[in-house]
Amino acid sequence: MYNDPQSVTVNSVAKSMPRISTGDQKAIYRNADGSFTMTISHQKVGNGRIKSLVRIDQRKVVTDPVSAVTDYDTLTTMIIQERPDYGFSMVEVEQQWAAHVAWLTTGNVDKLYGGES
């Protein structure tokens, strides 16, 4: 089980998120004002595969530029890994995660935001 609380740093500000829920292969962490939530989960999928998810949701008040109506909306970022029960070592899994994280440079994220593929 992960440490309680979990923390992410957004714009140089740490967001501490205590665990608010624990279930079968799933935990949810949320900060005090509810603006950040982290979900970590695992599930067995077809053909003996395991899917692991790390998800961060950021909730805030946004204003519609056309109608000027304000409401809550959510920005979600997820990383999902699907792997077989056997055949890949923990080191190989760690290396692929590290490669994925290293790829997420500001330039590459800007291209994602711009819809490039």
PDB file of N, CA and C in Angstrom:
ATOM      1  N   MET A   1       0.852  -1.187   0.000  1.00  0.00           N
ATOM      2  CA  MET A   1       0.000   0.000   0.000  1.00  0.00           C
ATOM      3  C   MET A   1       0.892   1.243   0.000  1.00  0.00           C
ATOM      4  N   TYR A   2       0.451   2.247  -0.733  1.00  0.00           N
ATOM      5  CA  TYR A   2       1.191   3.499  -0.800  1.00  0.00           C
ATOM      6  C   TYR A   2       1.079   4.252   0.517  1.00  0.00           C
ATOM      7  N   ASN A   3       2.041   5.161   0.739  1.00  0.00           N
ATOM      8  CA  ASN A   3       2.019   5.984   1.946  1.00  0.00           C
ATOM      9  C   ASN A   3       0.773   6.854   1.969  1.00  0.00           C
ATOM     10  N   ASP A   4       0.340   7.174   3.138  1.00  0.00           N
ATOM     11  CA  ASP A   4      -0.796   8.048   3.336  1.00  0.00           C
ATOM     12  C   ASP A   4      -0.304   9.239   4.146  1.00  0.00           C
ATOM     13  N   PRO A   5      -0.354  10.450   3.623  1.00  0.00           N
ATOM     14  CA  PRO A   5      -0.972  10.883   2.382  1.00  0.00           C
ATOM     15  C   PRO A   5      -0.021  10.755   1.190  1.00  0.00           C
ATOM     16  N   GLN A   6      -0.608  10.850  -0.030  1.00  0.00           N
ATOM     17  CA  GLN A   6       0.170  10.985  -1.253  1.00  0.00           C
ATOM     18  C   GLN A   6       0.290  12.475  -1.554  1.00  0.00           C
ATOM     19  N   SER A   7       1.313  12.838  -2.332  1.00  0.00           N
ATOM     20  CA  SER A   7       1.533  14.240  -2.651  1.00  0.00           C
ATOM     21  C   SER A   7       1.989  14.388  -4.098  1.00  0.00           C
ATOM     22  N   VAL A   8       1.473  15.397  -4.776  1.00  0.00           N
ATOM     23  CA  VAL A   8       1.963  15.799  -6.089  1.00  0.00           C
ATOM     24  C   VAL A   8       2.263  17.296  -6.007  1.00  0.00           C
ATOM     25  N   THR A   9       3.219  17.741  -6.800  1.00  0.00           N
ATOM     26  CA  THR A   9       3.580  19.149  -6.818  1.00  0.00           C
ATOM     27  C   THR A   9       3.139  19.744  -8.148  1.00  0.00           C
ATOM     28  N   VAL A  10       2.269  20.735  -8.073  1.00  0.00           N
ATOM     29  CA  VAL A  10       1.735  21.410  -9.250  1.00  0.00           C
ATOM     30  C   VAL A  10       2.116  22.881  -9.148  1.00  0.00           C
ATOM     31  N   ASN A  11       2.818  23.378 -10.154  1.00  0.00           N
ATOM     32  CA  ASN A  11       3.243  24.773 -10.182  1.00  0.00           C
ATOM     33  C   ASN A  11       4.001  25.133  -8.898  1.00  0.00           C
ATOM     34  N   SER A  12       4.898  24.255  -8.492  1.00  0.00           N
ATOM     35  CA  SER A  12       5.766  24.428  -7.311  1.00  0.00           C
ATOM     36  C   SER A  12       5.026  24.368  -5.983  1.00  0.00           C
ATOM     37  N   VAL A  13       3.770  23.938  -5.981  1.00  0.00           N
ATOM     38  CA  VAL A  13       2.987  23.840  -4.744  1.00  0.00           C
ATOM     39  C   VAL A  13       2.622  22.378  -4.513  1.00  0.00           C
ATOM     40  N   ALA A  14       3.039  21.844  -3.371  1.00  0.00           N
ATOM     41  CA  ALA A  14       2.724  20.455  -3.029  1.00  0.00           C
ATOM     42  C   ALA A  14       1.253  20.332  -2.652  1.00  0.00           C
ATOM     43  N   LYS A  15       0.615  19.316  -3.190  1.00  0.00           N
ATOM     44  CA  LYS A  15      -0.785  19.024  -2.884  1.00  0.00           C
ATOM     45  C   LYS A  15      -0.812  17.725  -2.089  1.00  0.00           C
ATOM     46  N   SER A  16      -1.035  17.823  -0.804  1.00  0.00           N
ATOM     47  CA  SER A  16      -1.085  16.653   0.062  1.00  0.00           C
ATOM     48  C   SER A  16      -2.484  16.062   0.027  1.00  0.00           C
ATOM     49  N   MET A  17      -2.545  14.753  -0.265  1.00  0.00           N
ATOM     50  CA  MET A  17      -3.838  14.101  -0.434  1.00  0.00           C
ATOM     51  C   MET A  17      -3.933  12.881   0.478  1.00  0.00           C
ATOM     52  N   PRO A  18      -4.619  12.999   1.610  1.00  0.00           N
ATOM     53  CA  PRO A  18      -4.832  11.830   2.468  1.00  0.00           C
ATOM     54  C   PRO A  18      -5.733  10.803   1.778  1.00  0.00           C
ATOM     55  N   ARG A  19      -5.562   9.538   2.149  1.00  0.00           N
ATOM     56  CA  ARG A  19      -6.400   8.459   1.614  1.00  0.00           C
ATOM     57  C   ARG A  19      -7.814   8.640   2.146  1.00  0.00           C
ATOM     58  N   ILE A  20      -8.786   8.622   1.226  1.00  0.00           N
ATOM     59  CA  ILE A  20     -10.189   8.762   1.640  1.00  0.00           C
ATOM     60  C   ILE A  20     -10.986   7.492   1.405  1.00  0.00           C
ATOM     61  N   SER A  21     -10.411   6.567   0.611  1.00  0.00           N
ATOM     62  CA  SER A  21     -11.135   5.347   0.301  1.00  0.00           C
ATOM     63  C   SER A  21     -10.153   4.251  -0.071  1.00  0.00           C
ATOM     64  N   THR A  22     -10.441   3.049   0.392  1.00  0.00           N
ATOM     65  CA  THR A  22      -9.648   1.880   0.031  1.00  0.00           C
ATOM     66  C   THR A  22     -10.613   0.763  -0.318  1.00  0.00           C
ATOM     67  N   GLY A  23     -10.344   0.116  -1.447  1.00  0.00           N
ATOM     68  CA  GLY A  23     -11.195  -0.983  -1.879  1.00  0.00           C
ATOM     69  C   GLY A  23     -10.338  -2.126  -2.365  1.00  0.00           C
ATOM     70  N   ASP A  24     -10.958  -3.038  -3.064  1.00  0.00           N
ATOM     71  CA  ASP A  24     -10.262  -4.181  -3.627  1.00  0.00           C
ATOM     72  C   ASP A  24      -9.349  -3.697  -4.750  1.00  0.00           C
ATOM     73  N   GLN A  25      -8.048  -3.651  -4.491  1.00  0.00           N
ATOM     74  CA  GLN A  25      -7.052  -3.227  -5.473  1.00  0.00           C
ATOM     75  C   GLN A  25      -7.235  -1.776  -5.919  1.00  0.00           C
ATOM     76  N   LYS A  26      -7.743  -0.901  -5.019  1.00  0.00           N
ATOM     77  CA  LYS A  26      -7.972   0.492  -5.388  1.00  0.00           C
ATOM     78  C   LYS A  26      -7.886   1.378  -4.155  1.00  0.00           C
ATOM     79  N   ALA A  27      -7.257   2.548  -4.319  1.00  0.00           N
ATOM     80  CA  ALA A  27      -7.227   3.545  -3.251  1.00  0.00           C
ATOM     81  C   ALA A  27      -7.448   4.917  -3.880  1.00  0.00           C
ATOM     82  N   ILE A  28      -8.140   5.787  -3.140  1.00  0.00           N
ATOM     83  CA  ILE A  28      -8.399   7.149  -3.588  1.00  0.00           C
ATOM     84  C   ILE A  28      -7.865   8.104  -2.533  1.00  0.00           C
ATOM     85  N   TYR A  29      -7.170   9.128  -3.007  1.00  0.00           N
ATOM     86  CA  TYR A  29      -6.575  10.152  -2.148  1.00  0.00           C
ATOM     87  C   TYR A  29      -7.122  11.504  -2.585  1.00  0.00           C
ATOM     88  N   ARG A  30      -7.413  12.410  -1.623  1.00  0.00           N
ATOM     89  CA  ARG A  30      -7.966  13.721  -1.981  1.00  0.00           C
ATOM     90  C   ARG A  30      -7.439  14.781  -1.020  1.00  0.00           C
ATOM     91  N   ASN A  31      -7.158  15.974  -1.559  1.00  0.00           N
ATOM     92  CA  ASN A  31      -6.705  17.055  -0.683  1.00  0.00           C
ATOM     93  C   ASN A  31      -7.895  17.670   0.051  1.00  0.00           C
ATOM     94  N   ALA A  32      -7.600  18.541   1.006  1.00  0.00           N
ATOM     95  CA  ALA A  32      -8.624  19.047   1.923  1.00  0.00           C
ATOM     96  C   ALA A  32      -9.749  19.800   1.226  1.00  0.00           C
ATOM     97  N   ASP A  33      -9.427  20.590   0.199  1.00  0.00           N
ATOM     98  CA  ASP A  33     -10.492  21.368  -0.449  1.00  0.00           C
ATOM     99  C   ASP A  33     -11.134  20.643  -1.638  1.00  0.00           C
ATOM    100  N   GLY A  34     -10.707  19.412  -1.897  1.00  0.00           N
ATOM    101  CA  GLY A  34     -11.309  18.606  -2.953  1.00  0.00           C
ATOM    102  C   GLY A  34     -10.877  18.980  -4.361  1.00  0.00           C
ATOM    103  N   SER A  35      -9.885  19.851  -4.486  1.00  0.00           N
ATOM    104  CA  SER A  35      -9.473  20.276  -5.818  1.00  0.00           C
ATOM    105  C   SER A  35      -8.559  19.267  -6.517  1.00  0.00           C
ATOM    106  N   PHE A  36      -7.916  18.377  -5.760  1.00  0.00           N
ATOM    107  CA  PHE A  36      -7.064  17.341  -6.346  1.00  0.00           C
ATOM    108  C   PHE A  36      -7.436  15.972  -5.787  1.00  0.00           C
ATOM    109  N   THR A  37      -7.559  15.001  -6.685  1.00  0.00           N
ATOM    110  CA  THR A  37      -7.837  13.612  -6.316  1.00  0.00           C
ATOM    111  C   THR A  37      -6.887  12.714  -7.080  1.00  0.00           C
ATOM    112  N   MET A  38      -6.340  11.726  -6.393  1.00  0.00           N
ATOM    113  CA  MET A  38      -5.490  10.721  -7.033  1.00  0.00           C
ATOM    114  C   MET A  38      -6.125   9.362  -6.824  1.00  0.00           C
ATOM    115  N   THR A  39      -6.212   8.590  -7.898  1.00  0.00           N
ATOM    116  CA  THR A  39      -6.727   7.224  -7.842  1.00  0.00           C
ATOM    117  C   THR A  39      -5.636   6.291  -8.315  1.00  0.00           C
ATOM    118  N   ILE A  40      -5.381   5.250  -7.541  1.00  0.00           N
ATOM    119  CA  ILE A  40      -4.429   4.199  -7.914  1.00  0.00           C
ATOM    120  C   ILE A  40      -5.194   2.885  -7.862  1.00  0.00           C
ATOM    121  N   SER A  41      -5.213   2.160  -8.999  1.00  0.00           N
ATOM    122  CA  SER A  41      -5.983   0.919  -9.024  1.00  0.00           C
ATOM    123  C   SER A  41      -5.321  -0.120  -9.911  1.00  0.00           C
ATOM    124  N   HIS A  42      -5.718  -1.366  -9.695  1.00  0.00           N
ATOM    125  CA  HIS A  42      -5.224  -2.514 -10.462  1.00  0.00           C
ATOM    126  C   HIS A  42      -6.411  -3.440 -10.727  1.00  0.00           C
ATOM    127  N   GLN A  43      -6.427  -4.027 -11.921  1.00  0.00           N
ATOM    128  CA  GLN A  43      -7.465  -5.015 -12.206  1.00  0.00           C
ATOM    129  C   GLN A  43      -6.936  -6.058 -13.172  1.00  0.00           C
ATOM    130  N   LYS A  44      -7.460  -7.260 -13.027  1.00  0.00           N
ATOM    131  CA  LYS A  44      -7.153  -8.334 -13.968  1.00  0.00           C
ATOM    132  C   LYS A  44      -8.034  -8.146 -15.185  1.00  0.00           C
ATOM    133  N   VAL A  45      -7.423  -8.193 -16.355  1.00  0.00           N
ATOM    134  CA  VAL A  45      -8.169  -8.097 -17.603  1.00  0.00           C
ATOM    135  C   VAL A  45      -7.936  -9.383 -18.388  1.00  0.00           C
ATOM    136  N   GLY A  46      -8.563  -9.527 -19.528  1.00  0.00           N
ATOM    137  CA  GLY A  46      -8.505 -10.760 -20.299  1.00  0.00           C
ATOM    138  C   GLY A  46      -7.108 -11.295 -20.557  1.00  0.00           C
ATOM    139  N   ASN A  47      -7.032 -12.598 -20.747  1.00  0.00           N
ATOM    140  CA  ASN A  47      -5.798 -13.304 -21.079  1.00  0.00           C
ATOM    141  C   ASN A  47      -4.696 -13.161 -20.033  1.00  0.00           C
ATOM    142  N   GLY A  48      -5.061 -13.121 -18.758  1.00  0.00           N
ATOM    143  CA  GLY A  48      -4.074 -13.094 -17.688  1.00  0.00           C
ATOM    144  C   GLY A  48      -3.246 -11.826 -17.639  1.00  0.00           C
ATOM    145  N   ARG A  49      -3.835 -10.713 -17.997  1.00  0.00           N
ATOM    146  CA  ARG A  49      -3.120  -9.446 -17.984  1.00  0.00           C
ATOM    147  C   ARG A  49      -3.551  -8.616 -16.780  1.00  0.00           C
ATOM    148  N   ILE A  50      -2.675  -7.725 -16.357  1.00  0.00           N
ATOM    149  CA  ILE A  50      -2.936  -6.840 -15.222  1.00  0.00           C
ATOM    150  C   ILE A  50      -2.883  -5.402 -15.721  1.00  0.00           C
ATOM    151  N   LYS A  51      -3.935  -4.620 -15.419  1.00  0.00           N
ATOM    152  CA  LYS A  51      -3.969  -3.218 -15.789  1.00  0.00           C
ATOM    153  C   LYS A  51      -3.825  -2.382 -14.519  1.00  0.00           C
ATOM    154  N   SER A  52      -2.806  -1.521 -14.503  1.00  0.00           N
ATOM    155  CA  SER A  52      -2.576  -0.607 -13.379  1.00  0.00           C
ATOM    156  C   SER A  52      -2.827   0.812 -13.851  1.00  0.00           C
ATOM    157  N   LEU A  53      -3.497   1.596 -13.019  1.00  0.00           N
ATOM    158  CA  LEU A  53      -3.883   2.959 -13.357  1.00  0.00           C
ATOM    159  C   LEU A  53      -3.416   3.913 -12.267  1.00  0.00           C
ATOM    160  N   VAL A  54      -2.826   5.030 -12.690  1.00  0.00           N
ATOM    161  CA  VAL A  54      -2.561   6.153 -11.798  1.00  0.00           C
ATOM    162  C   VAL A  54      -3.257   7.346 -12.440  1.00  0.00           C
ATOM    163  N   ARG A  55      -4.185   7.936 -11.725  1.00  0.00           N
ATOM    164  CA  ARG A  55      -5.025   9.009 -12.272  1.00  0.00           C
ATOM    165  C   ARG A  55      -5.015  10.193 -11.319  1.00  0.00           C
ATOM    166  N   ILE A  56      -4.853  11.397 -11.877  1.00  0.00           N
ATOM    167  CA  ILE A  56      -4.937  12.623 -11.088  1.00  0.00           C
ATOM    168  C   ILE A  56      -6.018  13.497 -11.703  1.00  0.00           C
ATOM    169  N   ASP A  57      -6.967  13.930 -10.874  1.00  0.00           N
ATOM    170  CA  ASP A  57      -8.036  14.832 -11.294  1.00  0.00           C
ATOM    171  C   ASP A  57      -7.850  16.165 -10.579  1.00  0.00           C
ATOM    172  N   GLN A  58      -7.943  17.252 -11.347  1.00  0.00           N
ATOM    173  CA  GLN A  58      -7.914  18.598 -10.776  1.00  0.00           C
ATOM    174  C   GLN A  58      -9.252  19.255 -11.074  1.00  0.00           C
ATOM    175  N   ARG A  59      -9.931  19.693 -10.032  1.00  0.00           N
ATOM    176  CA  ARG A  59     -11.266  20.293 -10.180  1.00  0.00           C
ATOM    177  C   ARG A  59     -11.178  21.773  -9.846  1.00  0.00           C
ATOM    178  N   LYS A  60     -11.786  22.610 -10.710  1.00  0.00           N
ATOM    179  CA  LYS A  60     -11.798  24.044 -10.426  1.00  0.00           C
ATOM    180  C   LYS A  60     -12.991  24.703 -11.099  1.00  0.00           C
ATOM    181  N   VAL A  61     -13.258  25.930 -10.695  1.00  0.00           N
ATOM    182  CA  VAL A  61     -14.322  26.723 -11.301  1.00  0.00           C
ATOM    183  C   VAL A  61     -13.770  27.311 -12.594  1.00  0.00           C
ATOM    184  N   VAL A  62     -14.505  27.105 -13.678  1.00  0.00           N
ATOM    185  CA  VAL A  62     -14.126  27.643 -14.985  1.00  0.00           C
ATOM    186  C   VAL A  62     -15.273  28.484 -15.530  1.00  0.00           C
ATOM    187  N   THR A  63     -14.928  29.417 -16.412  1.00  0.00           N
ATOM    188  CA  THR A  63     -15.926  30.285 -17.019  1.00  0.00           C
ATOM    189  C   THR A  63     -16.019  29.977 -18.508  1.00  0.00           C
ATOM    190  N   ASP A  64     -17.215  29.700 -18.971  1.00  0.00           N
ATOM    191  CA  ASP A  64     -17.461  29.479 -20.393  1.00  0.00           C
ATOM    192  C   ASP A  64     -17.221  30.801 -21.122  1.00  0.00           C
ATOM    193  N   PRO A  65     -16.301  30.826 -22.113  1.00  0.00           N
ATOM    194  CA  PRO A  65     -15.987  32.099 -22.781  1.00  0.00           C
ATOM    195  C   PRO A  65     -17.131  32.661 -23.621  1.00  0.00           C
ATOM    196  N   VAL A  66     -18.095  31.833 -23.998  1.00  0.00           N
ATOM    197  CA  VAL A  66     -19.215  32.308 -24.818  1.00  0.00           C
ATOM    198  C   VAL A  66     -20.354  32.826 -23.953  1.00  0.00           C
ATOM    199  N   SER A  67     -20.783  32.008 -22.980  1.00  0.00           N
ATOM    200  CA  SER A  67     -21.960  32.383 -22.178  1.00  0.00           C
ATOM    201  C   SER A  67     -21.597  33.105 -20.878  1.00  0.00           C
ATOM    202  N   ALA A  68     -20.319  33.077 -20.494  1.00  0.00           N
ATOM    203  CA  ALA A  68     -19.834  33.663 -19.238  1.00  0.00           C
ATOM    204  C   ALA A  68     -20.387  32.950 -18.000  1.00  0.00           C
ATOM    205  N   VAL A  69     -20.965  31.760 -18.192  1.00  0.00           N
ATOM    206  CA  VAL A  69     -21.465  30.966 -17.073  1.00  0.00           C
ATOM    207  C   VAL A  69     -20.287  30.260 -16.406  1.00  0.00           C
ATOM    208  N   THR A  70     -20.267  30.278 -15.084  1.00  0.00           N
ATOM    209  CA  THR A  70     -19.207  29.587 -14.350  1.00  0.00           C
ATOM    210  C   THR A  70     -19.737  28.285 -13.775  1.00  0.00           C
ATOM    211  N   ASP A  71     -18.872  27.290 -13.763  1.00  0.00           N
ATOM    212  CA  ASP A  71     -19.233  25.971 -13.247  1.00  0.00           C
ATOM    213  C   ASP A  71     -17.940  25.232 -12.946  1.00  0.00           C
ATOM    214  N   TYR A  72     -18.044  24.131 -12.222  1.00  0.00           N
ATOM    215  CA  TYR A  72     -16.884  23.288 -11.965  1.00  0.00           C
ATOM    216  C   TYR A  72     -16.584  22.438 -13.191  1.00  0.00           C
ATOM    217  N   ASP A  73     -15.297  22.237 -13.440  1.00  0.00           N
ATOM    218  CA  ASP A  73     -14.873  21.301 -14.473  1.00  0.00           C
ATOM    219  C   ASP A  73     -13.615  20.596 -13.978  1.00  0.00           C
ATOM    220  N   THR A  74     -13.236  19.520 -14.664  1.00  0.00           N
ATOM    221  CA  THR A  74     -12.148  18.668 -14.196  1.00  0.00           C
ATOM    222  C   THR A  74     -11.147  18.423 -15.310  1.00  0.00           C
ATOM    223  N   LEU A  75      -9.874  18.515 -14.952  1.00  0.00           N
ATOM    224  CA  LEU A  75      -8.771  18.135 -15.818  1.00  0.00           C
ATOM    225  C   LEU A  75      -8.240  16.812 -15.287  1.00  0.00           C
ATOM    226  N   THR A  76      -8.155  15.798 -16.138  1.00  0.00           N
ATOM    227  CA  THR A  76      -7.730  14.464 -15.721  1.00  0.00           C
ATOM    228  C   THR A  76      -6.495  14.050 -16.501  1.00  0.00           C
ATOM    229  N   THR A  77      -5.504  13.536 -15.788  1.00  0.00           N
ATOM    230  CA  THR A  77      -4.317  12.957 -16.404  1.00  0.00           C
ATOM    231  C   THR A  77      -4.188  11.539 -15.878  1.00  0.00           C
ATOM    232  N   MET A  78      -3.981  10.581 -16.799  1.00  0.00           N
ATOM    233  CA  MET A  78      -3.871   9.174 -16.416  1.00  0.00           C
ATOM    234  C   MET A  78      -2.662   8.539 -17.072  1.00  0.00           C
ATOM    235  N   ILE A  79      -2.077   7.623 -16.364  1.00  0.00           N
ATOM    236  CA  ILE A  79      -1.091   6.718 -16.950  1.00  0.00           C
ATOM    237  C   ILE A  79      -1.601   5.315 -16.662  1.00  0.00           C
ATOM    238  N   ILE A  80      -1.719   4.520 -17.728  1.00  0.00           N
ATOM    239  CA  ILE A  80      -2.203   3.147 -17.594  1.00  0.00           C
ATOM    240  C   ILE A  80      -1.123   2.217 -18.104  1.00  0.00           C
ATOM    241  N   GLN A  81      -0.867   1.199 -17.333  1.00  0.00           N
ATOM    242  CA  GLN A  81       0.063   0.165 -17.781  1.00  0.00           C
ATOM    243  C   GLN A  81      -0.697  -1.152 -17.812  1.00  0.00           C
ATOM    244  N   GLU A  82      -0.563  -1.868 -18.926  1.00  0.00           N
ATOM    245  CA  GLU A  82      -1.149  -3.196 -19.025  1.00  0.00           C
ATOM    246  C   GLU A  82      -0.015  -4.162 -19.335  1.00  0.00           C
ATOM    247  N   ARG A  83       0.081  -5.188 -18.510  1.00  0.00           N
ATOM    248  CA  ARG A  83       1.186  -6.139 -18.661  1.00  0.00           C
ATOM    249  C   ARG A  83       0.692  -7.560 -18.419  1.00  0.00           C
ATOM    250  N   PRO A  84       1.444  -8.525 -18.939  1.00  0.00           N
ATOM    251  CA  PRO A  84       1.076  -9.911 -18.656  1.00  0.00           C
ATOM    252  C   PRO A  84       1.477 -10.281 -17.232  1.00  0.00           C
ATOM    253  N   ASP A  85       0.886 -11.360 -16.720  1.00  0.00           N
ATOM    254  CA  ASP A  85       1.237 -11.854 -15.381  1.00  0.00           C
ATOM    255  C   ASP A  85       2.715 -12.224 -15.274  1.00  0.00           C
ATOM    256  N   TYR A  86       3.309 -12.638 -16.380  1.00  0.00           N
ATOM    257  CA  TYR A  86       4.712 -13.069 -16.365  1.00  0.00           C
ATOM    258  C   TYR A  86       5.370 -12.737 -17.696  1.00  0.00           C
ATOM    259  N   GLY A  87       6.698 -12.756 -17.725  1.00  0.00           N
ATOM    260  CA  GLY A  87       7.440 -12.546 -18.956  1.00  0.00           C
ATOM    261  C   GLY A  87       8.228 -11.243 -18.988  1.00  0.00           C
ATOM    262  N   PHE A  88       7.805 -10.253 -18.213  1.00  0.00           N
ATOM    263  CA  PHE A  88       8.540  -9.000 -18.104  1.00  0.00           C
ATOM    264  C   PHE A  88       8.965  -8.828 -16.654  1.00  0.00           C
ATOM    265  N   SER A  89      10.253  -8.547 -16.436  1.00  0.00           N
ATOM    266  CA  SER A  89      10.761  -8.386 -15.072  1.00  0.00           C
ATOM    267  C   SER A  89      10.340  -7.035 -14.499  1.00  0.00           C
ATOM    268  N   MET A  90      10.446  -6.892 -13.191  1.00  0.00           N
ATOM    269  CA  MET A  90      10.150  -5.631 -12.541  1.00  0.00           C
ATOM    270  C   MET A  90      11.083  -4.544 -13.081  1.00  0.00           C
ATOM    271  N   VAL A  91      12.333  -4.897 -13.347  1.00  0.00           N
ATOM    272  CA  VAL A  91      13.289  -3.925 -13.892  1.00  0.00           C
ATOM    273  C   VAL A  91      12.832  -3.438 -15.263  1.00  0.00           C
ATOM    274  N   GLU A  92      12.362  -4.328 -16.117  1.00  0.00           N
ATOM    275  CA  GLU A  92      11.873  -3.914 -17.436  1.00  0.00           C
ATOM    276  C   GLU A  92      10.654  -2.995 -17.316  1.00  0.00           C
ATOM    277  N   VAL A  93       9.778  -3.302 -16.376  1.00  0.00           N
ATOM    278  CA  VAL A  93       8.609  -2.454 -16.139  1.00  0.00           C
ATOM    279  C   VAL A  93       9.060  -1.078 -15.655  1.00  0.00           C
ATOM    280  N   GLU A  94      10.002  -1.048 -14.702  1.00  0.00           N
ATOM    281  CA  GLU A  94      10.526   0.229 -14.190  1.00  0.00           C
ATOM    282  C   GLU A  94      11.172   1.049 -15.303  1.00  0.00           C
ATOM    283  N   GLN A  95      11.917   0.389 -16.178  1.00  0.00           N
ATOM    284  CA  GLN A  95      12.583   1.088 -17.274  1.00  0.00           C
ATOM    285  C   GLN A  95      11.581   1.709 -18.233  1.00  0.00           C
ATOM    286  N   GLN A  96      10.499   0.990 -18.519  1.00  0.00           N
ATOM    287  CA  GLN A  96       9.508   1.558 -19.426  1.00  0.00           C
ATOM    288  C   GLN A  96       8.783   2.734 -18.788  1.00  0.00           C
ATOM    289  N   TRP A  97       8.462   2.625 -17.494  1.00  0.00           N
ATOM    290  CA  TRP A  97       7.845   3.756 -16.790  1.00  0.00           C
ATOM    291  C   TRP A  97       8.773   4.968 -16.838  1.00  0.00           C
ATOM    292  N   ALA A  98      10.056   4.757 -16.557  1.00  0.00           N
ATOM    293  CA  ALA A  98      11.028   5.865 -16.560  1.00  0.00           C
ATOM    294  C   ALA A  98      11.111   6.507 -17.943  1.00  0.00           C
ATOM    295  N   ALA A  99      11.096   5.681 -18.997  1.00  0.00           N
ATOM    296  CA  ALA A  99      11.137   6.215 -20.357  1.00  0.00           C
ATOM    297  C   ALA A  99       9.903   7.055 -20.649  1.00  0.00           C
ATOM    298  N   HIS A 100       8.754   6.588 -20.202  1.00  0.00           N
ATOM    299  CA  HIS A 100       7.495   7.312 -20.412  1.00  0.00           C
ATOM    300  C   HIS A 100       7.544   8.668 -19.718  1.00  0.00           C
ATOM    301  N   VAL A 101       7.954   8.673 -18.468  1.00  0.00           N
ATOM    302  CA  VAL A 101       8.020   9.917 -17.697  1.00  0.00           C
ATOM    303  C   VAL A 101       9.026  10.880 -18.327  1.00  0.00           C
ATOM    304  N   ALA A 102      10.187  10.367 -18.761  1.00  0.00           N
ATOM    305  CA  ALA A 102      11.204  11.218 -19.387  1.00  0.00           C
ATOM    306  C   ALA A 102      10.691  11.835 -20.684  1.00  0.00           C
ATOM    307  N   TRP A 103       9.847  11.123 -21.410  1.00  0.00           N
ATOM    308  CA  TRP A 103       9.293  11.623 -22.666  1.00  0.00           C
ATOM    309  C   TRP A 103       8.362  12.803 -22.442  1.00  0.00           C
ATOM    310  N   LEU A 104       7.755  12.890 -21.268  1.00  0.00           N
ATOM    311  CA  LEU A 104       6.762  13.926 -20.991  1.00  0.00           C
ATOM    312  C   LEU A 104       7.425  15.279 -20.697  1.00  0.00           C
ATOM    313  N   THR A 105       8.200  15.760 -21.645  1.00  0.00           N
ATOM    314  CA  THR A 105       8.816  17.078 -21.522  1.00  0.00           C
ATOM    315  C   THR A 105       7.753  18.146 -21.766  1.00  0.00           C
ATOM    316  N   THR A 106       8.058  19.380 -21.413  1.00  0.00           N
ATOM    317  CA  THR A 106       7.129  20.482 -21.673  1.00  0.00           C
ATOM    318  C   THR A 106       6.805  20.577 -23.156  1.00  0.00           C
ATOM    319  N   GLY A 107       7.813  20.416 -24.003  1.00  0.00           N
ATOM    320  CA  GLY A 107       7.580  20.488 -25.445  1.00  0.00           C
ATOM    321  C   GLY A 107       6.630  19.419 -25.944  1.00  0.00           C
ATOM    322  N   ASN A 108       6.810  18.176 -25.466  1.00  0.00           N
ATOM    323  CA  ASN A 108       5.919  17.098 -25.896  1.00  0.00           C
ATOM    324  C   ASN A 108       4.508  17.276 -25.338  1.00  0.00           C
ATOM    325  N   VAL A 109       4.382  17.772 -24.117  1.00  0.00           N
ATOM    326  CA  VAL A 109       3.054  18.029 -23.555  1.00  0.00           C
ATOM    327  C   VAL A 109       2.371  19.164 -24.329  1.00  0.00           C
ATOM    328  N   ASP A 110       3.140  20.186 -24.716  1.00  0.00           N
ATOM    329  CA  ASP A 110       2.578  21.275 -25.524  1.00  0.00           C
ATOM    330  C   ASP A 110       2.019  20.734 -26.841  1.00  0.00           C
ATOM    331  N   LYS A 111       2.738  19.792 -27.457  1.00  0.00           N
ATOM    332  CA  LYS A 111       2.276  19.195 -28.715  1.00  0.00           C
ATOM    333  C   LYS A 111       0.998  18.381 -28.494  1.00  0.00           C
ATOM    334  N   LEU A 112       0.918  17.670 -27.355  1.00  0.00           N
ATOM    335  CA  LEU A 112      -0.313  16.946 -27.035  1.00  0.00           C
ATOM    336  C   LEU A 112      -1.480  17.916 -26.901  1.00  0.00           C
ATOM    337  N   TYR A 113      -1.242  19.008 -26.167  1.00  0.00           N
ATOM    338  CA  TYR A 113      -2.288  20.017 -25.976  1.00  0.00           C
ATOM    339  C   TYR A 113      -2.737  20.595 -27.315  1.00  0.00           C
ATOM    340  N   GLY A 114      -1.790  20.729 -28.243  1.00  0.00           N
ATOM    341  CA  GLY A 114      -2.103  21.259 -29.559  1.00  0.00           C
ATOM    342  C   GLY A 114      -2.729  20.253 -30.505  1.00  0.00           C
ATOM    343  N   GLY A 115      -2.883  18.997 -30.055  1.00  0.00           N
ATOM    344  CA  GLY A 115      -3.555  17.998 -30.860  1.00  0.00           C
ATOM    345  C   GLY A 115      -2.647  17.268 -31.827  1.00  0.00           C
ATOM    346  N   GLU A 116      -1.324  17.427 -31.671  1.00  0.00           N
ATOM    347  CA  GLU A 116      -0.417  16.737 -32.570  1.00  0.00           C
ATOM    348  C   GLU A 116      -0.345  15.253 -32.204  1.00  0.00           C
ATOM    349  N   SER A 117       0.012  14.442 -33.204  1.00  0.00           N
ATOM    350  CA  SER A 117       0.172  13.012 -32.950  1.00  0.00           C
ATOM    351  C   SER A 117       1.349  12.467 -33.745  1.00  0.00           C
TER     352      SER A 117
END
